[in-house]
PDB file of N, CA and C in Angstrom:
ATOM      1  N   MET A   1     -13.211 -11.516   0.415  1.00  0.00           N
ATOM      2  CA  MET A   1     -13.977 -12.394   1.264  1.00  0.00           C
ATOM      3  C   MET A   1     -13.821 -11.987   2.732  1.00  0.00           C
ATOM      4  N   ARG A   2     -12.683 -11.418   3.078  1.00  0.00           N
ATOM      5  CA  ARG A   2     -12.473 -10.967   4.453  1.00  0.00           C
ATOM      6  C   ARG A   2     -13.503  -9.940   4.881  1.00  0.00           C
ATOM      7  N   ILE A   3     -13.855  -9.049   3.955  1.00  0.00           N
ATOM      8  CA  ILE A   3     -14.786  -7.977   4.295  1.00  0.00           C
ATOM      9  C   ILE A   3     -16.159  -8.548   4.648  1.00  0.00           C
ATOM     10  N   VAL A   4     -16.554  -9.643   3.977  1.00  0.00           N
ATOM     11  CA  VAL A   4     -17.833 -10.286   4.279  1.00  0.00           C
ATOM     12  C   VAL A   4     -17.796 -10.877   5.687  1.00  0.00           C
ATOM     13  N   VAL A   5     -16.698 -11.537   6.030  1.00  0.00           N
ATOM     14  CA  VAL A   5     -16.546 -12.119   7.367  1.00  0.00           C
ATOM     15  C   VAL A   5     -16.568 -11.023   8.426  1.00  0.00           C
ATOM     16  N   LEU A   6     -15.858  -9.925   8.174  1.00  0.00           N
ATOM     17  CA  LEU A   6     -15.850  -8.804   9.115  1.00  0.00           C
ATOM     18  C   LEU A   6     -17.238  -8.194   9.274  1.00  0.00           C
ATOM     19  N   THR A   7     -17.932  -8.055   8.169  1.00  0.00           N
ATOM     20  CA  THR A   7     -19.271  -7.469   8.212  1.00  0.00           C
ATOM     21  C   THR A   7     -20.234  -8.360   8.990  1.00  0.00           C
ATOM     22  N   LYS A   8     -20.195  -9.663   8.724  1.00  0.00           N
ATOM     23  CA  LYS A   8     -21.067 -10.592   9.455  1.00  0.00           C
ATOM     24  C   LYS A   8     -20.775 -10.541  10.948  1.00  0.00           C
ATOM     25  N   ALA A   9     -19.488 -10.463  11.306  1.00  0.00           N
ATOM     26  CA  ALA A   9     -19.118 -10.369  12.719  1.00  0.00           C
ATOM     27  C   ALA A   9     -19.632  -9.062  13.322  1.00  0.00           C
ATOM     28  N   ALA A  10     -19.547  -7.967  12.573  1.00  0.00           N
ATOM     29  CA  ALA A  10     -20.026  -6.680  13.055  1.00  0.00           C
ATOM     30  C   ALA A  10     -21.535  -6.707  13.280  1.00  0.00           C
ATOM     31  N   VAL A  11     -22.271  -7.343  12.365  1.00  0.00           N
ATOM     32  CA  VAL A  11     -23.724  -7.434  12.502  1.00  0.00           C
ATOM     33  C   VAL A  11     -24.089  -8.312  13.695  1.00  0.00           C
ATOM     34  N   GLN A  12     -23.410  -9.437  13.835  1.00  0.00           N
ATOM     35  CA  GLN A  12     -23.716 -10.357  14.937  1.00  0.00           C
ATOM     36  C   GLN A  12     -23.407  -9.747  16.302  1.00  0.00           C
ATOM     37  N   THR A  13     -22.360  -8.939  16.377  1.00  0.00           N
ATOM     38  CA  THR A  13     -21.980  -8.336  17.661  1.00  0.00           C
ATOM     39  C   THR A  13     -22.554  -6.934  17.850  1.00  0.00           C
ATOM     40  N   CYS A  14     -23.275  -6.444  16.831  1.00  0.00           N
ATOM     41  CA  CYS A  14     -23.860  -5.088  16.854  1.00  0.00           C
ATOM     42  C   CYS A  14     -22.798  -4.008  17.011  1.00  0.00           C
ATOM     43  N   LEU A  15     -21.653  -4.219  16.409  1.00  0.00           N
ATOM     44  CA  LEU A  15     -20.569  -3.232  16.441  1.00  0.00           C
ATOM     45  C   LEU A  15     -20.302  -2.709  15.040  1.00  0.00           C
ATOM     46  N   HIS A  16     -20.108  -1.408  14.942  1.00  0.00           N
ATOM     47  CA  HIS A  16     -19.732  -0.763  13.683  1.00  0.00           C
ATOM     48  C   HIS A  16     -18.515   0.102  13.998  1.00  0.00           C
ATOM     49  N   PRO A  17     -17.316  -0.407  13.761  1.00  0.00           N
ATOM     50  CA  PRO A  17     -16.105   0.325  14.137  1.00  0.00           C
ATOM     51  C   PRO A  17     -16.079   1.760  13.596  1.00  0.00           C
ATOM     52  N   ALA A  18     -15.609   2.662  14.412  1.00  0.00           N
ATOM     53  CA  ALA A  18     -15.574   4.088  14.052  1.00  0.00           C
ATOM     54  C   ALA A  18     -14.790   4.336  12.769  1.00  0.00           C
ATOM     55  N   ILE A  19     -13.760   3.552  12.528  1.00  0.00           N
ATOM     56  CA  ILE A  19     -12.938   3.742  11.325  1.00  0.00           C
ATOM     57  C   ILE A  19     -13.777   3.535  10.056  1.00  0.00           C
ATOM     58  N   TRP A  20     -14.812   2.688  10.138  1.00  0.00           N
ATOM     59  CA  TRP A  20     -15.675   2.439   8.983  1.00  0.00           C
ATOM     60  C   TRP A  20     -16.634   3.585   8.745  1.00  0.00           C
ATOM     61  N   LYS A  21     -16.819   4.448   9.734  1.00  0.00           N
ATOM     62  CA  LYS A  21     -17.766   5.569   9.609  1.00  0.00           C
ATOM     63  C   LYS A  21     -17.071   6.883   9.273  1.00  0.00           C
ATOM     64  N   ARG A  22     -15.772   6.860   9.166  1.00  0.00           N
ATOM     65  CA  ARG A  22     -15.021   8.081   8.884  1.00  0.00           C
ATOM     66  C   ARG A  22     -15.369   8.607   7.491  1.00  0.00           C
ATOM     67  N   ALA A  23     -15.624   9.900   7.407  1.00  0.00           N
ATOM     68  CA  ALA A  23     -16.020  10.503   6.135  1.00  0.00           C
ATOM     69  C   ALA A  23     -15.247  11.797   5.894  1.00  0.00           C
ATOM     70  N   ILE A  24     -15.150  12.159   4.638  1.00  0.00           N
ATOM     71  CA  ILE A  24     -14.559  13.436   4.236  1.00  0.00           C
ATOM     72  C   ILE A  24     -15.708  14.337   3.821  1.00  0.00           C
ATOM     73  N   ARG A  25     -15.726  15.560   4.328  1.00  0.00           N
ATOM     74  CA  ARG A  25     -16.775  16.514   3.969  1.00  0.00           C
ATOM     75  C   ARG A  25     -16.156  17.696   3.220  1.00  0.00           C
ATOM     76  N   VAL A  26     -16.836  18.084   2.166  1.00  0.00           N
ATOM     77  CA  VAL A  26     -16.372  19.195   1.345  1.00  0.00           C
ATOM     78  C   VAL A  26     -17.531  20.164   1.164  1.00  0.00           C
ATOM     79  N   VAL A  27     -17.257  21.452   1.268  1.00  0.00           N
ATOM     80  CA  VAL A  27     -18.278  22.479   1.060  1.00  0.00           C
ATOM     81  C   VAL A  27     -18.105  23.025  -0.346  1.00  0.00           C
ATOM     82  N   ILE A  28     -19.201  23.035  -1.115  1.00  0.00           N
ATOM     83  CA  ILE A  28     -19.149  23.568  -2.480  1.00  0.00           C
ATOM     84  C   ILE A  28     -20.253  24.610  -2.669  1.00  0.00           C
ATOM     85  N   ARG A  29     -20.050  25.480  -3.649  1.00  0.00           N
ATOM     86  CA  ARG A  29     -21.046  26.508  -3.964  1.00  0.00           C
ATOM     87  C   ARG A  29     -22.205  25.902  -4.724  1.00  0.00           C
ATOM     88  N   LYS A  30     -23.420  26.375  -4.417  1.00  0.00           N
ATOM     89  CA  LYS A  30     -24.596  26.005  -5.205  1.00  0.00           C
ATOM     90  C   LYS A  30     -24.574  26.877  -6.456  1.00  0.00           C
ATOM     91  N   PRO A  31     -24.818  26.308  -7.614  1.00  0.00           N
ATOM     92  CA  PRO A  31     -24.775  27.107  -8.843  1.00  0.00           C
ATOM     93  C   PRO A  31     -25.921  28.105  -8.929  1.00  0.00           C
ATOM     94  N   GLY A  32     -25.637  29.247  -9.521  1.00  0.00           N
ATOM     95  CA  GLY A  32     -26.658  30.245  -9.809  1.00  0.00           C
ATOM     96  C   GLY A  32     -27.066  31.131  -8.646  1.00  0.00           C
ATOM     97  N   LYS A  33     -26.334  31.126  -7.551  1.00  0.00           N
ATOM     98  CA  LYS A  33     -26.665  31.986  -6.409  1.00  0.00           C
ATOM     99  C   LYS A  33     -26.040  33.363  -6.627  1.00  0.00           C
ATOM    100  N   GLU A  34     -26.771  34.386  -6.211  1.00  0.00           N
ATOM    101  CA  GLU A  34     -26.283  35.754  -6.414  1.00  0.00           C
ATOM    102  C   GLU A  34     -25.291  36.185  -5.344  1.00  0.00           C
ATOM    103  N   ASP A  35     -25.514  35.770  -4.103  1.00  0.00           N
ATOM    104  CA  ASP A  35     -24.701  36.250  -2.983  1.00  0.00           C
ATOM    105  C   ASP A  35     -24.037  35.076  -2.263  1.00  0.00           C
ATOM    106  N   TYR A  36     -22.749  34.891  -2.508  1.00  0.00           N
ATOM    107  CA  TYR A  36     -22.021  33.786  -1.891  1.00  0.00           C
ATOM    108  C   TYR A  36     -21.498  34.119  -0.490  1.00  0.00           C
ATOM    109  N   THR A  37     -21.959  35.224   0.085  1.00  0.00           N
ATOM    110  CA  THR A  37     -21.615  35.515   1.479  1.00  0.00           C
ATOM    111  C   THR A  37     -22.627  34.870   2.431  1.00  0.00           C
ATOM    112  N   LYS A  38     -23.717  34.306   1.887  1.00  0.00           N
ATOM    113  CA  LYS A  38     -24.747  33.661   2.699  1.00  0.00           C
ATOM    114  C   LYS A  38     -24.522  32.151   2.742  1.00  0.00           C
ATOM    115  N   LEU A  39     -24.790  31.561   3.901  1.00  0.00           N
ATOM    116  CA  LEU A  39     -24.616  30.120   4.065  1.00  0.00           C
ATOM    117  C   LEU A  39     -25.501  29.305   3.132  1.00  0.00           C
ATOM    118  N   GLN A  40     -26.685  29.814   2.812  1.00  0.00           N
ATOM    119  CA  GLN A  40     -27.603  29.095   1.948  1.00  0.00           C
ATOM    120  C   GLN A  40     -27.064  28.919   0.530  1.00  0.00           C
ATOM    121  N   SER A  41     -25.978  29.594   0.217  1.00  0.00           N
ATOM    122  CA  SER A  41     -25.388  29.505  -1.119  1.00  0.00           C
ATOM    123  C   SER A  41     -24.418  28.335  -1.247  1.00  0.00           C
ATOM    124  N   TYR A  42     -24.296  27.535  -0.192  1.00  0.00           N
ATOM    125  CA  TYR A  42     -23.345  26.422  -0.187  1.00  0.00           C
ATOM    126  C   TYR A  42     -24.020  25.127   0.227  1.00  0.00           C
ATOM    127  N   ARG A  43     -23.429  24.010  -0.177  1.00  0.00           N
ATOM    128  CA  ARG A  43     -23.900  22.704   0.275  1.00  0.00           C
ATOM    129  C   ARG A  43     -22.692  21.861   0.681  1.00  0.00           C
ATOM    130  N   THR A  44     -22.961  20.875   1.531  1.00  0.00           N
ATOM    131  CA  THR A  44     -21.905  19.989   2.005  1.00  0.00           C
ATOM    132  C   THR A  44     -22.044  18.633   1.331  1.00  0.00           C
ATOM    133  N   ILE A  45     -20.947  18.102   0.875  1.00  0.00           N
ATOM    134  CA  ILE A  45     -20.905  16.751   0.320  1.00  0.00           C
ATOM    135  C   ILE A  45     -20.082  15.916   1.278  1.00  0.00           C
ATOM    136  N   SER A  46     -20.586  14.728   1.591  1.00  0.00           N
ATOM    137  CA  SER A  46     -19.901  13.827   2.508  1.00  0.00           C
ATOM    138  C   SER A  46     -19.616  12.525   1.788  1.00  0.00           C
ATOM    139  N   GLN A  47     -18.388  12.042   1.885  1.00  0.00           N
ATOM    140  CA  GLN A  47     -18.014  10.793   1.236  1.00  0.00           C
ATOM    141  C   GLN A  47     -17.393   9.852   2.258  1.00  0.00           C
ATOM    142  N   LEU A  48     -18.014   8.678   2.431  1.00  0.00           N
ATOM    143  CA  LEU A  48     -17.464   7.662   3.319  1.00  0.00           C
ATOM    144  C   LEU A  48     -16.245   7.019   2.683  1.00  0.00           C
ATOM    145  N   SER A  49     -15.421   6.415   3.517  1.00  0.00           N
ATOM    146  CA  SER A  49     -14.304   5.652   2.979  1.00  0.00           C
ATOM    147  C   SER A  49     -14.867   4.467   2.212  1.00  0.00           C
ATOM    148  N   SER A  50     -14.117   3.949   1.262  1.00  0.00           N
ATOM    149  CA  SER A  50     -14.612   2.837   0.454  1.00  0.00           C
ATOM    150  C   SER A  50     -14.879   1.601   1.316  1.00  0.00           C
ATOM    151  N   LYS A  51     -14.098   1.394   2.355  1.00  0.00           N
ATOM    152  CA  LYS A  51     -14.352   0.255   3.254  1.00  0.00           C
ATOM    153  C   LYS A  51     -15.700   0.416   3.935  1.00  0.00           C
ATOM    154  N   GLY A  52     -15.997   1.621   4.392  1.00  0.00           N
ATOM    155  CA  GLY A  52     -17.274   1.876   5.046  1.00  0.00           C
ATOM    156  C   GLY A  52     -18.438   1.640   4.119  1.00  0.00           C
ATOM    157  N   ILE A  53     -18.301   2.056   2.877  1.00  0.00           N
ATOM    158  CA  ILE A  53     -19.364   1.872   1.897  1.00  0.00           C
ATOM    159  C   ILE A  53     -19.604   0.386   1.646  1.00  0.00           C
ATOM    160  N   VAL A  54     -18.528  -0.372   1.459  1.00  0.00           N
ATOM    161  CA  VAL A  54     -18.647  -1.806   1.211  1.00  0.00           C
ATOM    162  C   VAL A  54     -19.291  -2.504   2.397  1.00  0.00           C
ATOM    163  N   VAL A  55     -18.856  -2.162   3.604  1.00  0.00           N
ATOM    164  CA  VAL A  55     -19.398  -2.793   4.813  1.00  0.00           C
ATOM    165  C   VAL A  55     -20.879  -2.456   4.969  1.00  0.00           C
ATOM    166  N   GLU A  56     -21.261  -1.205   4.760  1.00  0.00           N
ATOM    167  CA  GLU A  56     -22.664  -0.830   4.888  1.00  0.00           C
ATOM    168  C   GLU A  56     -23.523  -1.515   3.832  1.00  0.00           C
ATOM    169  N   LYS A  57     -23.010  -1.628   2.626  1.00  0.00           N
ATOM    170  CA  LYS A  57     -23.737  -2.319   1.554  1.00  0.00           C
ATOM    171  C   LYS A  57     -23.932  -3.786   1.906  1.00  0.00           C
ATOM    172  N   GLU A  58     -22.894  -4.430   2.372  1.00  0.00           N
ATOM    173  CA  GLU A  58     -22.971  -5.842   2.742  1.00  0.00           C
ATOM    174  C   GLU A  58     -23.920  -6.037   3.921  1.00  0.00           C
ATOM    175  N   ALA A  59     -23.860  -5.161   4.916  1.00  0.00           N
ATOM    176  CA  ALA A  59     -24.753  -5.261   6.069  1.00  0.00           C
ATOM    177  C   ALA A  59     -26.206  -5.092   5.634  1.00  0.00           C
ATOM    178  N   ALA A  60     -26.469  -4.147   4.740  1.00  0.00           N
ATOM    179  CA  ALA A  60     -27.831  -3.938   4.239  1.00  0.00           C
ATOM    180  C   ALA A  60     -28.328  -5.171   3.499  1.00  0.00           C
ATOM    181  N   GLU A  61     -27.445  -5.793   2.746  1.00  0.00           N
ATOM    182  CA  GLU A  61     -27.827  -7.001   2.017  1.00  0.00           C
ATOM    183  C   GLU A  61     -28.125  -8.158   2.970  1.00  0.00           C
ATOM    184  N   LEU A  62     -27.318  -8.303   4.012  1.00  0.00           N
ATOM    185  CA  LEU A  62     -27.553  -9.349   5.010  1.00  0.00           C
ATOM    186  C   LEU A  62     -28.907  -9.142   5.703  1.00  0.00           C
ATOM    187  N   LEU A  63     -29.195  -7.903   6.072  1.00  0.00           N
ATOM    188  CA  LEU A  63     -30.462  -7.604   6.727  1.00  0.00           C
ATOM    189  C   LEU A  63     -31.645  -7.842   5.787  1.00  0.00           C
ATOM    190  N   SER A  64     -31.494  -7.466   4.539  1.00  0.00           N
ATOM    191  CA  SER A  64     -32.549  -7.668   3.555  1.00  0.00           C
ATOM    192  C   SER A  64     -32.809  -9.161   3.334  1.00  0.00           C
ATOM    193  N   ASP A  65     -31.742  -9.933   3.219  1.00  0.00           N
ATOM    194  CA  ASP A  65     -31.876 -11.380   3.049  1.00  0.00           C
ATOM    195  C   ASP A  65     -32.579 -12.013   4.244  1.00  0.00           C
ATOM    196  N   GLU A  66     -32.238 -11.563   5.432  1.00  0.00           N
ATOM    197  CA  GLU A  66     -32.863 -12.093   6.649  1.00  0.00           C
ATOM    198  C   GLU A  66     -34.343 -11.725   6.707  1.00  0.00           C
ATOM    199  N   ALA A  67     -34.677 -10.506   6.320  1.00  0.00           N
ATOM    200  CA  ALA A  67     -36.078 -10.078   6.294  1.00  0.00           C
ATOM    201  C   ALA A  67     -36.869 -10.906   5.285  1.00  0.00           C
ATOM    202  N   GLU A  68     -36.272 -11.214   4.134  1.00  0.00           N
ATOM    203  CA  GLU A  68     -36.929 -12.062   3.132  1.00  0.00           C
ATOM    204  C   GLU A  68     -37.109 -13.479   3.676  1.00  0.00           C
ATOM    205  N   ARG A  69     -36.085 -14.006   4.300  1.00  0.00           N
ATOM    206  CA  ARG A  69     -36.113 -15.374   4.818  1.00  0.00           C
ATOM    207  C   ARG A  69     -37.205 -15.543   5.872  1.00  0.00           C
ATOM    208  N   ARG A  70     -37.357 -14.536   6.709  1.00  0.00           N
ATOM    209  CA  ARG A  70     -38.353 -14.599   7.790  1.00  0.00           C
ATOM    210  C   ARG A  70     -39.721 -14.033   7.383  1.00  0.00           C
ATOM    211  N   ALA A  71     -39.844 -13.614   6.143  1.00  0.00           N
ATOM    212  CA  ALA A  71     -41.097 -13.043   5.618  1.00  0.00           C
ATOM    213  C   ALA A  71     -41.577 -11.880   6.496  1.00  0.00           C
ATOM    214  N   LEU A  72     -40.683 -10.930   6.773  1.00  0.00           N
ATOM    215  CA  LEU A  72     -41.004  -9.793   7.626  1.00  0.00           C
ATOM    216  C   LEU A  72     -41.593  -8.606   6.866  1.00  0.00           C
ATOM    217  N   GLN A  73     -41.571  -8.667   5.536  1.00  0.00           N
ATOM    218  CA  GLN A  73     -42.076  -7.558   4.738  1.00  0.00           C
ATOM    219  C   GLN A  73     -43.394  -7.934   4.077  1.00  0.00           C
ATOM    220  N   SER A  74     -44.204  -6.929   3.826  1.00  0.00           N
ATOM    221  CA  SER A  74     -45.478  -7.124   3.154  1.00  0.00           C
ATOM    222  C   SER A  74     -45.250  -7.604   1.721  1.00  0.00           C
ATOM    223  N   ASP A  75     -46.205  -8.386   1.212  1.00  0.00           N
ATOM    224  CA  ASP A  75     -46.123  -8.827  -0.187  1.00  0.00           C
ATOM    225  C   ASP A  75     -46.244  -7.656  -1.150  1.00  0.00           C
ATOM    226  N   ARG A  76     -46.761  -6.551  -0.662  1.00  0.00           N
ATOM    227  CA  ARG A  76     -46.921  -5.362  -1.506  1.00  0.00           C
ATOM    228  C   ARG A  76     -45.720  -4.412  -1.433  1.00  0.00           C
ATOM    229  N   GLN A  77     -44.689  -4.811  -0.720  1.00  0.00           N
ATOM    230  CA  GLN A  77     -43.452  -4.025  -0.641  1.00  0.00           C
ATOM    231  C   GLN A  77     -42.570  -4.393  -1.826  1.00  0.00           C
ATOM    232  N   PHE A  78     -42.262  -3.426  -2.690  1.00  0.00           N
ATOM    233  CA  PHE A  78     -41.461  -3.704  -3.875  1.00  0.00           C
ATOM    234  C   PHE A  78     -40.107  -3.007  -3.851  1.00  0.00           C
ATOM    235  N   GLY A  79     -40.020  -1.851  -3.191  1.00  0.00           N
ATOM    236  CA  GLY A  79     -38.764  -1.102  -3.177  1.00  0.00           C
ATOM    237  C   GLY A  79     -37.650  -1.842  -2.455  1.00  0.00           C
ATOM    238  N   SER A  80     -36.484  -1.871  -3.043  1.00  0.00           N
ATOM    239  CA  SER A  80     -35.280  -2.471  -2.457  1.00  0.00           C
ATOM    240  C   SER A  80     -35.435  -3.964  -2.170  1.00  0.00           C
ATOM    241  N   ARG A  81     -36.192  -4.649  -2.999  1.00  0.00           N
ATOM    242  CA  ARG A  81     -36.354  -6.095  -2.835  1.00  0.00           C
ATOM    243  C   ARG A  81     -35.935  -6.800  -4.104  1.00  0.00           C
ATOM    244  N   ASN A  82     -35.253  -7.937  -3.939  1.00  0.00           N
ATOM    245  CA  ASN A  82     -34.833  -8.743  -5.085  1.00  0.00           C
ATOM    246  C   ASN A  82     -36.034  -9.388  -5.759  1.00  0.00           C
ATOM    247  N   LYS A  83     -35.927  -9.524  -7.056  1.00  0.00           N
ATOM    248  CA  LYS A  83     -36.944 -10.189  -7.864  1.00  0.00           C
ATOM    249  C   LYS A  83     -38.315  -9.521  -7.767  1.00  0.00           C
ATOM    250  N   ARG A  84     -38.342  -8.221  -7.539  1.00  0.00           N
ATOM    251  CA  ARG A  84     -39.581  -7.443  -7.522  1.00  0.00           C
ATOM    252  C   ARG A  84     -39.394  -6.294  -8.508  1.00  0.00           C
ATOM    253  N   SER A  85     -40.243  -6.230  -9.517  1.00  0.00           N
ATOM    254  CA  SER A  85     -40.067  -5.200 -10.537  1.00  0.00           C
ATOM    255  C   SER A  85     -41.193  -4.177 -10.494  1.00  0.00           C
ATOM    256  N   ALA A  86     -40.970  -3.076 -11.162  1.00  0.00           N
ATOM    257  CA  ALA A  86     -41.982  -2.031 -11.272  1.00  0.00           C
ATOM    258  C   ALA A  86     -43.179  -2.541 -12.067  1.00  0.00           C
ATOM    259  N   ILE A  87     -42.944  -3.435 -12.990  1.00  0.00           N
ATOM    260  CA  ILE A  87     -44.035  -4.012 -13.789  1.00  0.00           C
ATOM    261  C   ILE A  87     -44.971  -4.819 -12.892  1.00  0.00           C
ATOM    262  N   GLU A  88     -44.399  -5.591 -11.970  1.00  0.00           N
ATOM    263  CA  GLU A  88     -45.218  -6.363 -11.028  1.00  0.00           C
ATOM    264  C   GLU A  88     -46.026  -5.436 -10.123  1.00  0.00           C
ATOM    265  N   ALA A  89     -45.408  -4.361  -9.671  1.00  0.00           N
ATOM    266  CA  ALA A  89     -46.110  -3.393  -8.825  1.00  0.00           C
ATOM    267  C   ALA A  89     -47.260  -2.761  -9.585  1.00  0.00           C
ATOM    268  N   ALA A  90     -47.038  -2.407 -10.846  1.00  0.00           N
ATOM    269  CA  ALA A  90     -48.090  -1.827 -11.681  1.00  0.00           C
ATOM    270  C   ALA A  90     -49.223  -2.824 -11.892  1.00  0.00           C
ATOM    271  N   ALA A  91     -48.887  -4.094 -12.074  1.00  0.00           N
ATOM    272  CA  ALA A  91     -49.906  -5.123 -12.272  1.00  0.00           C
ATOM    273  C   ALA A  91     -50.811  -5.249 -11.051  1.00  0.00           C
ATOM    274  N   ILE A  92     -50.243  -5.144  -9.863  1.00  0.00           N
ATOM    275  CA  ILE A  92     -51.048  -5.202  -8.634  1.00  0.00           C
ATOM    276  C   ILE A  92     -51.979  -4.005  -8.542  1.00  0.00           C
ATOM    277  N   ILE A  93     -51.487  -2.839  -8.927  1.00  0.00           N
ATOM    278  CA  ILE A  93     -52.322  -1.632  -8.897  1.00  0.00           C
ATOM    279  C   ILE A  93     -53.480  -1.757  -9.869  1.00  0.00           C
ATOM    280  N   VAL A  94     -53.219  -2.288 -11.067  1.00  0.00           N
ATOM    281  CA  VAL A  94     -54.247  -2.432 -12.084  1.00  0.00           C
ATOM    282  C   VAL A  94     -55.304  -3.430 -11.634  1.00  0.00           C
ATOM    283  N   GLU A  95     -54.882  -4.496 -10.960  1.00  0.00           N
ATOM    284  CA  GLU A  95     -55.844  -5.498 -10.463  1.00  0.00           C
ATOM    285  C   GLU A  95     -56.764  -4.854  -9.464  1.00  0.00           C
TER     286      GLU A  95
END
């Protein structure tokens, strides 16, 4: 529950502490490349700390809830919205 309180405070004050944005980056080889001396043969993977992931998820949910509450999105917007299914989107297209 503390993380929710911290996240709400961060959203209200427009602050995102640097510690929450800290990530680990790892370089790995792309499979099937012939020449691993070229940079294009590698990719970077970045992983946020678990606290950062939780805070960002909670912040996104708070923003989404606020957008729903204020009716800021089009009725035809289905992606990343609660209680909106692909079947409903298909039904609108068929109509």
